[in-house]
Amino acid sequence: MTLHLSKLHGTGNDFLVTVALDGEPAPDAAVARALCNRNRGVGADGLITLRPGADGADCTMELRNADGGIAEMSGNGVRCLAWVAHREGLAHRDGLTVDTGGGRRAVRLEVVDGVVRAATVDMGPVTFEPSQIPFTAPSAFDLEATFHGTTYRGDAAGVGNPHFVLLVDDIATARVTQHGPHLEVDERFPKHTNVEFVQVLDRTHLRMRVWERGVGETLSCGTGVCASAAVARRRDLIDEAVHVHVPGGTHTVTLGDTVVLGGEVQHVFDVDVDEHELVRRLT
C-alpha cells in the first residue's frame, strides 16, 4: 500500500503527516516506527494522521511518537498538521480548529503567497493538578528527582500531555541524553513523561532542551516550551511574554488564562512510501 507523506518541521521538531479524510485507517504502531526510523525509514520525531473534524472542528489530529506509541498532543505537531490542512483547503480565513487527544486547539496561520510560513496555537491552560497531568504524588510543585548522584528540582505540569520541568544552571552541560531516559519513566508519572531542562536567562528569555517521551532528545517540543514557560511564570521568574530558545530555533509564548505558542513551520518534502514493504524490511 502506497502512503503519501508530507515532511515538515517546527523549529527542528519534525513530523510526517498523512491525510486520511475519506475514512482510511491511520497507520499503526509498526508503520509509525518504520517511517520515523532515521536510518532505514524516512525519519521523524512523530507520525501525524490528518482526519476529518466533527462538532465544529475543521479536522482531527492523530499522533504517534517515533516509538509507535500514541501521544495526546504536540504543539509543533499541530502547527505542522495545520500547514497540510491549509493545503487541503480545510482552513477558514487563515484559521483552523483542530481536535487532538489533548483537547481542541485553535490555530492562527501566517500565510505568505498562499503558503503557511508560521502558525500560532492557543494551547489551552497548563494544569498543575496531579490527577490531570497525570501525576500520582499529592503536589506537582517543588519536586526532586535524583539519578546517578545528580539531584534535579522542578515541577510537574500538564499541557494535554505530561511534563517534568527541571530548572538547571546551564542547559549546555545538562545530561539530557544520559538522565532523560530514566527521568521519563519516573514512577510518579503513570503514563511516563516528557522531561524539560530549563535555564532562565532573564525575565523574557528561557533556554530549553528536552527529552521527549517515546522519542529521545529533540530539537524542540511545543508542549514542553509551554510547560517550561508556565512553570517559570508560576515561580515569578519571567514575565507574561517570553522567548524560549531551543536547539532548533525560538518560540514565542504568551501566558494568560491559556498559553499561546508561536513559531515557524517549514515544509521539507512530499514522498510516497510502500508502507508494507518498509515494515517488512525492518522486521
C-alpha atoms as a PDB file:
ATOM      1  CA  MET A   1       0.000   0.000   0.000  1.00  0.00           C
ATOM      2  CA  THR A   2       1.409   3.374  -1.021  1.00  0.00           C
ATOM      3  CA  LEU A   3       1.286   6.037   1.678  1.00  0.00           C
ATOM      4  CA  HIS A   4       1.623   9.702   0.691  1.00  0.00           C
ATOM      5  CA  LEU A   5       3.508  11.699   3.307  1.00  0.00           C
ATOM      6  CA  SER A   6       4.498  15.306   3.844  1.00  0.00           C
ATOM      7  CA  LYS A   7       7.541  16.001   5.976  1.00  0.00           C
ATOM      8  CA  LEU A   8       7.528  19.285   7.908  1.00  0.00           C
ATOM      9  CA  HIS A   9       9.203  20.770  10.940  1.00  0.00           C
ATOM     10  CA  GLY A  10       8.631  23.476  13.515  1.00  0.00           C
ATOM     11  CA  THR A  11      11.943  24.735  14.930  1.00  0.00           C
ATOM     12  CA  GLY A  12      13.542  21.404  14.053  1.00  0.00           C
ATOM     13  CA  ASN A  13      10.850  19.217  15.646  1.00  0.00           C
ATOM     14  CA  ASP A  14       9.960  17.169  12.556  1.00  0.00           C
ATOM     15  CA  PHE A  15       6.862  15.197  11.652  1.00  0.00           C
ATOM     16  CA  LEU A  16       5.465  13.103   8.850  1.00  0.00           C
ATOM     17  CA  VAL A  17       1.853  13.968   8.024  1.00  0.00           C
ATOM     18  CA  THR A  18      -0.513  11.724   6.094  1.00  0.00           C
ATOM     19  CA  VAL A  19      -4.049  12.633   5.024  1.00  0.00           C
ATOM     20  CA  ALA A  20      -6.954  10.283   5.764  1.00  0.00           C
ATOM     21  CA  LEU A  21     -10.070  12.342   5.077  1.00  0.00           C
ATOM     22  CA  ASP A  22     -12.038   9.561   3.362  1.00  0.00           C
ATOM     23  CA  GLY A  23     -12.135   7.001   6.154  1.00  0.00           C
ATOM     24  CA  GLU A  24      -8.789   5.324   5.504  1.00  0.00           C
ATOM     25  CA  PRO A  25      -7.293   3.687   8.603  1.00  0.00           C
ATOM     26  CA  ALA A  26      -4.456   5.515  10.301  1.00  0.00           C
ATOM     27  CA  PRO A  27      -1.025   3.832  10.081  1.00  0.00           C
ATOM     28  CA  ASP A  28      -0.412   1.511  13.022  1.00  0.00           C
ATOM     29  CA  ALA A  29       2.457   1.445  15.510  1.00  0.00           C
ATOM     30  CA  ALA A  30       4.713  -0.751  13.386  1.00  0.00           C
ATOM     31  CA  VAL A  31       4.326   1.537  10.377  1.00  0.00           C
ATOM     32  CA  ALA A  32       4.980   4.617  12.520  1.00  0.00           C
ATOM     33  CA  ARG A  33       8.185   3.100  13.901  1.00  0.00           C
ATOM     34  CA  ALA A  34       9.377   2.148  10.430  1.00  0.00           C
ATOM     35  CA  LEU A  35       8.606   5.525   8.881  1.00  0.00           C
ATOM     36  CA  CYS A  36      10.159   7.524  11.727  1.00  0.00           C
ATOM     37  CA  ASN A  37      13.357   5.432  11.763  1.00  0.00           C
ATOM     38  CA  ARG A  38      16.144   7.880  10.867  1.00  0.00           C
ATOM     39  CA  ASN A  39      18.498   5.285   9.449  1.00  0.00           C
ATOM     40  CA  ARG A  40      16.214   2.971   7.465  1.00  0.00           C
ATOM     41  CA  GLY A  41      12.977   4.943   7.142  1.00  0.00           C
ATOM     42  CA  VAL A  42      12.058   8.491   6.201  1.00  0.00           C
ATOM     43  CA  GLY A  43      12.959   9.844   9.647  1.00  0.00           C
ATOM     44  CA  ALA A  44      10.885  11.975  12.009  1.00  0.00           C
ATOM     45  CA  ASP A  45      10.013  12.616  15.651  1.00  0.00           C
ATOM     46  CA  GLY A  46       6.441  11.511  15.033  1.00  0.00           C
ATOM     47  CA  LEU A  47       3.768  10.469  12.546  1.00  0.00           C
ATOM     48  CA  ILE A  48       0.559  12.513  12.276  1.00  0.00           C
ATOM     49  CA  THR A  49      -2.659  11.464  10.578  1.00  0.00           C
ATOM     50  CA  LEU A  50      -4.973  14.268   9.415  1.00  0.00           C
ATOM     51  CA  ARG A  51      -8.546  13.057   9.844  1.00  0.00           C
ATOM     52  CA  PRO A  52     -11.947  14.742   9.360  1.00  0.00           C
ATOM     53  CA  GLY A  53     -13.280  17.059  12.035  1.00  0.00           C
ATOM     54  CA  ALA A  54     -16.618  16.850  13.853  1.00  0.00           C
ATOM     55  CA  ASP A  55     -18.827  19.076  16.013  1.00  0.00           C
ATOM     56  CA  GLY A  56     -17.320  22.309  14.709  1.00  0.00           C
ATOM     57  CA  ALA A  57     -13.699  21.213  14.290  1.00  0.00           C
ATOM     58  CA  ASP A  58     -12.118  21.582  10.852  1.00  0.00           C
ATOM     59  CA  CYS A  59     -10.029  18.443  11.317  1.00  0.00           C
ATOM     60  CA  THR A  60      -8.656  15.936  13.821  1.00  0.00           C
ATOM     61  CA  MET A  61      -5.027  15.118  14.598  1.00  0.00           C
ATOM     62  CA  GLU A  62      -3.888  11.613  15.498  1.00  0.00           C
ATOM     63  CA  LEU A  63      -0.260  11.424  16.598  1.00  0.00           C
ATOM     64  CA  ARG A  64       2.152   8.561  17.150  1.00  0.00           C
ATOM     65  CA  ASN A  65       5.607   9.146  18.581  1.00  0.00           C
ATOM     66  CA  ALA A  66       8.668   7.690  16.883  1.00  0.00           C
ATOM     67  CA  ASP A  67       8.395   4.568  19.054  1.00  0.00           C
ATOM     68  CA  GLY A  68       4.871   3.947  17.729  1.00  0.00           C
ATOM     69  CA  GLY A  69       3.110   4.958  20.930  1.00  0.00           C
ATOM     70  CA  ILE A  70       0.073   7.232  20.896  1.00  0.00           C
ATOM     71  CA  ALA A  71       0.731  10.815  22.017  1.00  0.00           C
ATOM     72  CA  GLU A  72      -2.045  13.117  23.179  1.00  0.00           C
ATOM     73  CA  MET A  73      -0.729  16.408  21.866  1.00  0.00           C
ATOM     74  CA  SER A  74       2.188  18.208  20.220  1.00  0.00           C
ATOM     75  CA  GLY A  75       2.405  21.973  19.825  1.00  0.00           C
ATOM     76  CA  ASN A  76       4.836  21.752  16.927  1.00  0.00           C
ATOM     77  CA  GLY A  77       2.954  18.776  15.504  1.00  0.00           C
ATOM     78  CA  VAL A  78      -0.367  20.591  15.366  1.00  0.00           C
ATOM     79  CA  ARG A  79       1.323  23.509  13.596  1.00  0.00           C
ATOM     80  CA  CYS A  80       2.793  21.121  11.001  1.00  0.00           C
ATOM     81  CA  LEU A  81      -0.610  19.498  10.585  1.00  0.00           C
ATOM     82  CA  ALA A  82      -2.097  22.967  10.057  1.00  0.00           C
ATOM     83  CA  TRP A  83       0.227  23.508   7.081  1.00  0.00           C
ATOM     84  CA  VAL A  84      -1.122  20.369   5.417  1.00  0.00           C
ATOM     85  CA  ALA A  85      -4.712  21.169   6.387  1.00  0.00           C
ATOM     86  CA  HIS A  86      -4.380  24.589   4.764  1.00  0.00           C
ATOM     87  CA  ARG A  87      -3.095  22.981   1.559  1.00  0.00           C
ATOM     88  CA  GLU A  88      -6.094  20.619   1.670  1.00  0.00           C
ATOM     89  CA  GLY A  89      -8.446  23.617   1.840  1.00  0.00           C
ATOM     90  CA  LEU A  90      -9.645  22.991   5.394  1.00  0.00           C
ATOM     91  CA  ALA A  91      -8.642  26.364   6.884  1.00  0.00           C
ATOM     92  CA  HIS A  92     -11.038  29.296   7.136  1.00  0.00           C
ATOM     93  CA  ARG A  93      -9.664  32.847   6.816  1.00  0.00           C
ATOM     94  CA  ASP A  94      -6.205  31.673   7.858  1.00  0.00           C
ATOM     95  CA  GLY A  95      -7.600  29.947  10.935  1.00  0.00           C
ATOM     96  CA  LEU A  96      -8.130  26.315  11.832  1.00  0.00           C
ATOM     97  CA  THR A  97      -9.840  24.421  14.650  1.00  0.00           C
ATOM     98  CA  VAL A  98      -8.183  21.085  15.410  1.00  0.00           C
ATOM     99  CA  ASP A  99      -9.294  18.294  17.733  1.00  0.00           C
ATOM    100  CA  THR A 100      -6.397  16.453  19.371  1.00  0.00           C
ATOM    101  CA  GLY A 101      -6.029  13.784  22.028  1.00  0.00           C
ATOM    102  CA  GLY A 102      -5.263  16.610  24.450  1.00  0.00           C
ATOM    103  CA  GLY A 103      -8.327  18.695  23.557  1.00  0.00           C
ATOM    104  CA  ARG A 104      -9.472  21.191  20.923  1.00  0.00           C
ATOM    105  CA  ARG A 105      -6.923  23.743  19.687  1.00  0.00           C
ATOM    106  CA  ALA A 106      -7.394  26.969  17.721  1.00  0.00           C
ATOM    107  CA  VAL A 107      -4.616  27.700  15.226  1.00  0.00           C
ATOM    108  CA  ARG A 108      -3.900  31.052  13.538  1.00  0.00           C
ATOM    109  CA  LEU A 109      -1.912  30.813  10.312  1.00  0.00           C
ATOM    110  CA  GLU A 110       0.557  33.280   8.827  1.00  0.00           C
ATOM    111  CA  VAL A 111       0.152  32.791   5.083  1.00  0.00           C
ATOM    112  CA  VAL A 112       2.536  34.353   2.546  1.00  0.00           C
ATOM    113  CA  ASP A 113       1.964  33.859  -1.190  1.00  0.00           C
ATOM    114  CA  GLY A 114      -0.561  31.129  -0.432  1.00  0.00           C
ATOM    115  CA  VAL A 115       1.803  29.112   1.772  1.00  0.00           C
ATOM    116  CA  VAL A 116       1.815  28.827   5.564  1.00  0.00           C
ATOM    117  CA  ARG A 117       5.070  30.251   6.966  1.00  0.00           C
ATOM    118  CA  ALA A 118       4.246  30.278  10.678  1.00  0.00           C
ATOM    119  CA  ALA A 119       1.432  29.286  12.992  1.00  0.00           C
ATOM    120  CA  THR A 120       0.236  30.311  16.437  1.00  0.00           C
ATOM    121  CA  VAL A 121      -1.703  27.872  18.620  1.00  0.00           C
ATOM    122  CA  ASP A 122      -3.877  28.535  21.643  1.00  0.00           C
ATOM    123  CA  MET A 123      -2.671  25.566  23.668  1.00  0.00           C
ATOM    124  CA  GLY A 124      -5.297  25.926  26.391  1.00  0.00           C
ATOM    125  CA  PRO A 125      -4.439  26.193  30.087  1.00  0.00           C
ATOM    126  CA  VAL A 126      -1.444  24.480  31.651  1.00  0.00           C
ATOM    127  CA  THR A 127      -2.560  22.367  34.595  1.00  0.00           C
ATOM    128  CA  PHE A 128      -0.692  21.652  37.813  1.00  0.00           C
ATOM    129  CA  GLU A 129      -3.467  19.406  39.124  1.00  0.00           C
ATOM    130  CA  PRO A 130      -1.826  15.996  39.691  1.00  0.00           C
ATOM    131  CA  SER A 131      -4.805  13.919  38.518  1.00  0.00           C
ATOM    132  CA  GLN A 132      -4.995  15.851  35.238  1.00  0.00           C
ATOM    133  CA  ILE A 133      -1.280  15.636  34.363  1.00  0.00           C
ATOM    134  CA  PRO A 134      -1.429  12.656  35.351  1.00  0.00           C
ATOM    135  CA  PHE A 135       0.920  12.528  38.358  1.00  0.00           C
ATOM    136  CA  THR A 136       0.464  10.353  41.423  1.00  0.00           C
ATOM    137  CA  ALA A 137       2.087  12.476  44.163  1.00  0.00           C
ATOM    138  CA  PRO A 138      -0.070  14.865  46.260  1.00  0.00           C
ATOM    139  CA  SER A 139       1.504  18.012  44.761  1.00  0.00           C
ATOM    140  CA  ALA A 140       3.098  18.873  41.418  1.00  0.00           C
ATOM    141  CA  PHE A 141       5.254  21.584  42.972  1.00  0.00           C
ATOM    142  CA  ASP A 142       8.824  21.678  44.311  1.00  0.00           C
ATOM    143  CA  LEU A 143       9.711  18.156  43.287  1.00  0.00           C
ATOM    144  CA  GLU A 144      13.045  16.375  43.460  1.00  0.00           C
ATOM    145  CA  ALA A 145      14.461  13.554  41.360  1.00  0.00           C
ATOM    146  CA  THR A 146      17.917  12.057  41.819  1.00  0.00           C
ATOM    147  CA  PHE A 147      19.790   9.950  39.309  1.00  0.00           C
ATOM    148  CA  HIS A 148      23.465   8.896  39.431  1.00  0.00           C
ATOM    149  CA  GLY A 149      24.232  11.436  42.135  1.00  0.00           C
ATOM    150  CA  THR A 150      22.568  14.392  40.398  1.00  0.00           C
ATOM    151  CA  THR A 151      19.513  15.905  42.106  1.00  0.00           C
ATOM    152  CA  TYR A 152      17.075  17.826  39.929  1.00  0.00           C
ATOM    153  CA  ARG A 153      14.383  20.190  41.166  1.00  0.00           C
ATOM    154  CA  GLY A 154      11.294  21.418  39.381  1.00  0.00           C
ATOM    155  CA  ASP A 155       7.554  20.994  38.845  1.00  0.00           C
ATOM    156  CA  ALA A 156       5.210  18.633  37.019  1.00  0.00           C
ATOM    157  CA  ALA A 157       2.757  20.157  34.532  1.00  0.00           C
ATOM    158  CA  GLY A 158       0.145  19.050  32.020  1.00  0.00           C
ATOM    159  CA  VAL A 159      -0.373  20.531  28.546  1.00  0.00           C
ATOM    160  CA  GLY A 160      -2.627  17.778  27.263  1.00  0.00           C
ATOM    161  CA  ASN A 161       0.378  15.517  27.924  1.00  0.00           C
ATOM    162  CA  PRO A 162       2.665  15.179  30.967  1.00  0.00           C
ATOM    163  CA  HIS A 163       5.835  17.169  31.615  1.00  0.00           C
ATOM    164  CA  PHE A 164       8.565  17.225  34.249  1.00  0.00           C
ATOM    165  CA  VAL A 165      10.162  20.694  34.105  1.00  0.00           C
ATOM    166  CA  LEU A 166      13.588  20.850  35.734  1.00  0.00           C
ATOM    167  CA  LEU A 167      15.419  24.121  36.414  1.00  0.00           C
ATOM    168  CA  VAL A 168      19.157  23.926  35.731  1.00  0.00           C
ATOM    169  CA  ASP A 169      22.031  26.408  35.812  1.00  0.00           C
ATOM    170  CA  ASP A 170      23.278  25.681  32.297  1.00  0.00           C
ATOM    171  CA  ILE A 171      21.490  23.535  29.719  1.00  0.00           C
ATOM    172  CA  ALA A 172      24.722  23.181  27.748  1.00  0.00           C
ATOM    173  CA  THR A 173      26.059  20.862  30.446  1.00  0.00           C
ATOM    174  CA  ALA A 174      22.745  19.232  31.377  1.00  0.00           C
ATOM    175  CA  ARG A 175      22.875  15.438  30.971  1.00  0.00           C
ATOM    176  CA  VAL A 176      19.777  15.272  28.802  1.00  0.00           C
ATOM    177  CA  THR A 177      20.564  12.093  26.878  1.00  0.00           C
ATOM    178  CA  GLN A 178      22.080  10.295  29.875  1.00  0.00           C
ATOM    179  CA  HIS A 179      19.454  11.107  32.522  1.00  0.00           C
ATOM    180  CA  GLY A 180      16.417  11.877  30.342  1.00  0.00           C
ATOM    181  CA  PRO A 181      15.544   8.216  29.617  1.00  0.00           C
ATOM    182  CA  HIS A 182      15.434   7.434  33.342  1.00  0.00           C
ATOM    183  CA  LEU A 183      13.520  10.564  34.343  1.00  0.00           C
ATOM    184  CA  GLU A 184      10.981   9.806  31.581  1.00  0.00           C
ATOM    185  CA  VAL A 185       9.885   6.675  33.448  1.00  0.00           C
ATOM    186  CA  ASP A 186       9.734   8.271  36.912  1.00  0.00           C
ATOM    187  CA  GLU A 187       7.179   6.105  38.740  1.00  0.00           C
ATOM    188  CA  ARG A 188       5.147   9.159  39.766  1.00  0.00           C
ATOM    189  CA  PHE A 189       4.115   9.606  36.108  1.00  0.00           C
ATOM    190  CA  PRO A 190       1.870   6.620  35.249  1.00  0.00           C
ATOM    191  CA  LYS A 191       1.963   7.421  31.516  1.00  0.00           C
ATOM    192  CA  HIS A 192       5.663   8.384  31.604  1.00  0.00           C
ATOM    193  CA  THR A 193       6.646  11.982  30.911  1.00  0.00           C
ATOM    194  CA  ASN A 194       8.445  14.473  28.732  1.00  0.00           C
ATOM    195  CA  VAL A 195      11.426  15.976  30.563  1.00  0.00           C
ATOM    196  CA  GLU A 196      12.470  19.614  30.105  1.00  0.00           C
ATOM    197  CA  PHE A 197      15.813  21.035  31.237  1.00  0.00           C
ATOM    198  CA  VAL A 198      15.313  24.794  31.545  1.00  0.00           C
ATOM    199  CA  GLN A 199      17.695  27.695  32.117  1.00  0.00           C
ATOM    200  CA  VAL A 200      16.298  31.145  32.949  1.00  0.00           C
ATOM    201  CA  LEU A 201      18.290  33.839  31.145  1.00  0.00           C
ATOM    202  CA  ASP A 202      16.235  36.884  32.177  1.00  0.00           C
ATOM    203  CA  ARG A 203      12.593  37.948  32.570  1.00  0.00           C
ATOM    204  CA  THR A 204      11.825  37.478  28.867  1.00  0.00           C
ATOM    205  CA  HIS A 205      14.128  34.657  27.757  1.00  0.00           C
ATOM    206  CA  LEU A 206      14.471  30.966  28.573  1.00  0.00           C
ATOM    207  CA  ARG A 207      16.685  28.260  27.128  1.00  0.00           C
ATOM    208  CA  MET A 208      15.390  24.691  26.978  1.00  0.00           C
ATOM    209  CA  ARG A 209      16.454  21.205  25.979  1.00  0.00           C
ATOM    210  CA  VAL A 210      14.001  18.347  26.063  1.00  0.00           C
ATOM    211  CA  TRP A 211      13.894  14.580  26.326  1.00  0.00           C
ATOM    212  CA  GLU A 212      10.617  13.629  24.649  1.00  0.00           C
ATOM    213  CA  ARG A 213       8.661  10.641  25.850  1.00  0.00           C
ATOM    214  CA  GLY A 214       8.903   7.857  23.296  1.00  0.00           C
ATOM    215  CA  VAL A 215      11.295   9.803  21.063  1.00  0.00           C
ATOM    216  CA  GLY A 216      14.513  10.953  22.769  1.00  0.00           C
ATOM    217  CA  GLU A 217      16.171  14.352  22.708  1.00  0.00           C
ATOM    218  CA  THR A 218      14.578  16.531  20.040  1.00  0.00           C
ATOM    219  CA  LEU A 219      15.449  19.964  18.697  1.00  0.00           C
ATOM    220  CA  SER A 220      12.187  21.394  20.020  1.00  0.00           C
ATOM    221  CA  CYS A 221       8.932  20.485  21.784  1.00  0.00           C
ATOM    222  CA  GLY A 222       5.954  22.829  21.640  1.00  0.00           C
ATOM    223  CA  THR A 223       4.124  21.472  24.671  1.00  0.00           C
ATOM    224  CA  GLY A 224       7.433  21.378  26.540  1.00  0.00           C
ATOM    225  CA  VAL A 225       8.031  25.034  25.711  1.00  0.00           C
ATOM    226  CA  CYS A 226       4.584  25.888  27.125  1.00  0.00           C
ATOM    227  CA  ALA A 227       5.085  23.799  30.266  1.00  0.00           C
ATOM    228  CA  SER A 228       8.514  25.339  30.858  1.00  0.00           C
ATOM    229  CA  ALA A 229       7.212  28.883  30.492  1.00  0.00           C
ATOM    230  CA  ALA A 230       4.244  28.169  32.776  1.00  0.00           C
ATOM    231  CA  VAL A 231       6.488  26.721  35.495  1.00  0.00           C
ATOM    232  CA  ALA A 232       8.885  29.659  35.284  1.00  0.00           C
ATOM    233  CA  ARG A 233       5.963  32.113  35.389  1.00  0.00           C
ATOM    234  CA  ARG A 234       4.392  30.421  38.410  1.00  0.00           C
ATOM    235  CA  ARG A 235       7.708  30.837  40.193  1.00  0.00           C
ATOM    236  CA  ASP A 236       7.789  34.535  39.135  1.00  0.00           C
ATOM    237  CA  LEU A 237      10.997  34.062  37.178  1.00  0.00           C
ATOM    238  CA  ILE A 238       9.668  35.503  33.889  1.00  0.00           C
ATOM    239  CA  ASP A 239       7.079  37.932  32.537  1.00  0.00           C
ATOM    240  CA  GLU A 240       3.859  37.008  30.725  1.00  0.00           C
ATOM    241  CA  ALA A 241       5.508  37.195  27.288  1.00  0.00           C
ATOM    242  CA  VAL A 242       8.700  35.215  26.792  1.00  0.00           C
ATOM    243  CA  HIS A 243      11.009  33.865  24.101  1.00  0.00           C
ATOM    244  CA  VAL A 244      12.007  30.244  24.582  1.00  0.00           C
ATOM    245  CA  HIS A 245      15.211  29.280  22.780  1.00  0.00           C
ATOM    246  CA  VAL A 246      15.599  25.615  21.830  1.00  0.00           C
ATOM    247  CA  PRO A 247      18.318  23.947  19.723  1.00  0.00           C
ATOM    248  CA  GLY A 248      16.071  24.191  16.637  1.00  0.00           C
ATOM    249  CA  GLY A 249      15.165  27.888  16.953  1.00  0.00           C
ATOM    250  CA  THR A 250      12.965  30.191  19.019  1.00  0.00           C
ATOM    251  CA  HIS A 251       9.338  30.076  20.150  1.00  0.00           C
ATOM    252  CA  THR A 252       7.210  32.958  21.370  1.00  0.00           C
ATOM    253  CA  VAL A 253       4.962  32.225  24.336  1.00  0.00           C
ATOM    254  CA  THR A 254       2.261  34.412  25.864  1.00  0.00           C
ATOM    255  CA  LEU A 255       0.925  33.345  29.246  1.00  0.00           C
ATOM    256  CA  GLY A 256      -2.554  34.152  30.497  1.00  0.00           C
ATOM    257  CA  ASP A 257      -5.658  32.090  31.178  1.00  0.00           C
ATOM    258  CA  THR A 258      -4.337  29.938  28.329  1.00  0.00           C
ATOM    259  CA  VAL A 259      -0.888  29.618  26.778  1.00  0.00           C
ATOM    260  CA  VAL A 260      -0.347  30.835  23.216  1.00  0.00           C
ATOM    261  CA  LEU A 261       2.553  29.298  21.286  1.00  0.00           C
ATOM    262  CA  GLY A 262       4.001  30.734  18.098  1.00  0.00           C
ATOM    263  CA  GLY A 263       6.775  29.775  15.688  1.00  0.00           C
ATOM    264  CA  GLU A 264       7.803  28.886  12.166  1.00  0.00           C
ATOM    265  CA  VAL A 265       6.535  25.994  10.063  1.00  0.00           C
ATOM    266  CA  GLN A 266       8.603  24.668   7.171  1.00  0.00           C
ATOM    267  CA  HIS A 267       7.633  22.122   4.545  1.00  0.00           C
ATOM    268  CA  VAL A 268      10.580  19.846   3.695  1.00  0.00           C
ATOM    269  CA  PHE A 269       9.251  17.482   1.027  1.00  0.00           C
ATOM    270  CA  ASP A 270       6.463  15.110  -0.031  1.00  0.00           C
ATOM    271  CA  VAL A 271       7.147  11.428  -0.570  1.00  0.00           C
ATOM    272  CA  ASP A 272       5.280   8.226  -1.426  1.00  0.00           C
ATOM    273  CA  VAL A 273       6.249   5.123   0.556  1.00  0.00           C
ATOM    274  CA  ASP A 274       5.206   1.482   0.282  1.00  0.00           C
ATOM    275  CA  GLU A 275       4.458   1.078   3.978  1.00  0.00           C
ATOM    276  CA  HIS A 276       4.196  -2.725   3.988  1.00  0.00           C
ATOM    277  CA  GLU A 277       7.479  -3.182   2.140  1.00  0.00           C
ATOM    278  CA  LEU A 278       9.203  -0.767   4.531  1.00  0.00           C
ATOM    279  CA  VAL A 279       7.923  -2.634   7.578  1.00  0.00           C
ATOM    280  CA  ARG A 280       8.923  -5.970   6.030  1.00  0.00           C
ATOM    281  CA  ARG A 281      12.488  -4.795   5.512  1.00  0.00           C
ATOM    282  CA  LEU A 282      12.782  -3.613   9.100  1.00  0.00           C
ATOM    283  CA  THR A 283      11.478  -6.830  10.673  1.00  0.00           C
END
